[in-house]
Amino acid sequence: MLHLTKCYTELMPTARPRHMITETDEIAGAIDAAALLWPEAKKNRAELLRRLIAEAHTSIDARVNDRVAARRKAILEGAGKLSGVWPANWREELRDDWPE
């Protein structure tokens, strides 16, 4: 049995992090569905997995952008709604209430 004294990724032709996942039933189903969408890659499950990740990334980006837009809209809708609630000299009045 070969025992490596260094990280095995040093033997790989990349400096990028590598990830290993187990093909569970759920992941296998996703890869099988991807093979129907991309039949030209049906014999390369790693490629199908990369494409699934890219598709998920696009979907997640859209959802994040939607959340950011909704938050921005809520902030803009609320901006200025409390104008005039506090008197102009509220700081001075507050300081006067506190003994030194």
Protein backbone atom coordinates (compact mmCIF):
# COMPACT_ATOMS: atom_id res chain seq x y z
CA MET A 1 0.00 0.00 0.00
CA LEU A 2 1.31 3.42 -0.96
CA HIS A 3 1.43 5.93 1.86
CA LEU A 4 1.78 9.54 0.88
CA THR A 5 3.60 11.84 3.25
CA LYS A 6 2.28 14.95 1.50
CA CYS A 7 -1.16 16.08 0.50
CA TYR A 8 -2.30 14.07 -2.53
CA THR A 9 -3.42 17.21 -4.33
CA GLU A 10 0.21 18.14 -4.88
CA LEU A 11 0.23 15.30 -7.42
CA MET A 12 -2.73 16.78 -9.27
CA PRO A 13 -2.29 19.12 -12.24
CA THR A 14 -4.07 21.97 -10.45
CA ALA A 15 -3.46 24.31 -7.58
CA ARG A 16 -7.20 24.72 -7.08
CA PRO A 17 -9.06 23.02 -4.23
CA ARG A 18 -10.60 19.67 -5.12
CA HIS A 19 -13.86 18.28 -3.71
CA MET A 20 -15.00 14.72 -3.35
CA ILE A 21 -18.66 13.85 -2.89
CA THR A 22 -20.45 10.57 -2.56
CA GLU A 23 -23.02 9.83 -5.23
CA THR A 24 -26.06 9.38 -3.03
CA ASP A 25 -29.42 8.43 -4.53
CA GLU A 26 -30.39 12.11 -4.60
CA ILE A 27 -27.17 13.16 -6.36
CA ALA A 28 -27.40 10.22 -8.77
CA GLY A 29 -30.96 11.28 -9.64
CA ALA A 30 -29.81 14.84 -10.29
CA ILE A 31 -26.97 13.62 -12.51
CA ASP A 32 -29.32 11.28 -14.38
CA ALA A 33 -31.73 14.16 -14.99
CA ALA A 34 -28.82 16.31 -16.17
CA ALA A 35 -27.92 13.58 -18.67
CA LEU A 36 -31.37 14.02 -20.21
CA LEU A 37 -30.82 17.76 -20.46
CA TRP A 38 -27.27 17.46 -21.82
CA PRO A 39 -27.16 14.15 -23.73
CA GLU A 40 -23.79 15.03 -25.31
CA ALA A 41 -22.24 14.68 -21.82
CA LYS A 42 -24.25 11.67 -20.65
CA LYS A 43 -21.17 9.43 -20.37
CA ASN A 44 -19.24 11.96 -18.27
CA ARG A 45 -20.90 12.19 -14.85
CA ALA A 46 -18.24 14.62 -13.58
CA GLU A 47 -19.05 17.00 -16.43
CA LEU A 48 -22.76 16.67 -15.71
CA LEU A 49 -22.07 17.48 -12.07
CA ARG A 50 -20.09 20.58 -13.08
CA ARG A 51 -22.99 21.69 -15.29
CA LEU A 52 -25.47 21.11 -12.46
CA ILE A 53 -23.35 23.26 -10.16
CA ALA A 54 -23.13 26.01 -12.80
CA GLU A 55 -26.93 25.93 -13.26
CA ALA A 56 -27.48 26.03 -9.49
CA HIS A 57 -25.08 28.95 -9.22
CA THR A 58 -27.05 30.89 -11.83
CA SER A 59 -30.29 30.14 -9.99
CA ILE A 60 -28.83 31.10 -6.61
CA ASP A 61 -27.43 34.35 -8.01
CA ALA A 62 -30.89 35.26 -9.30
CA ARG A 63 -32.47 34.52 -5.92
CA VAL A 64 -29.82 36.55 -4.09
CA ASN A 65 -30.34 39.45 -6.48
CA ASP A 66 -34.10 39.26 -5.90
CA ARG A 67 -33.58 39.38 -2.11
CA VAL A 68 -31.20 42.32 -2.38
CA ALA A 69 -33.67 44.17 -4.62
CA ALA A 70 -36.55 43.48 -2.20
CA ARG A 71 -34.49 44.68 0.76
CA ARG A 72 -33.40 47.80 -1.11
CA LYS A 73 -37.03 48.50 -2.06
CA ALA A 74 -38.18 48.10 1.56
CA ILE A 75 -35.44 50.45 2.77
CA LEU A 76 -36.34 53.06 0.17
CA GLU A 77 -40.04 52.77 0.99
CA GLY A 78 -39.33 53.33 4.68
CA ALA A 79 -36.82 56.13 4.16
CA GLY A 80 -38.06 59.39 5.54
CA LYS A 81 -41.29 57.98 7.02
CA LEU A 82 -40.23 58.99 10.51
CA SER A 83 -39.22 62.51 9.57
CA GLY A 84 -40.62 64.97 12.06
CA VAL A 85 -41.27 62.34 14.75
CA TRP A 86 -38.39 63.66 16.84
CA PRO A 87 -38.12 67.35 17.66
CA ALA A 88 -35.25 69.22 16.02
CA ASN A 89 -33.44 69.59 19.36
CA TRP A 90 -33.97 66.01 20.59
CA ARG A 91 -30.30 65.49 21.41
CA GLU A 92 -30.16 68.48 23.68
CA GLU A 93 -33.41 67.46 25.39
CA LEU A 94 -32.09 63.95 25.94
CA ARG A 95 -28.81 65.22 27.37
CA ASP A 96 -30.69 67.55 29.72
CA ASP A 97 -32.53 64.51 31.16
CA TRP A 98 -29.25 62.84 32.20
CA PRO A 99 -27.29 64.12 35.13
CA GLU A 100 -23.57 64.62 34.57
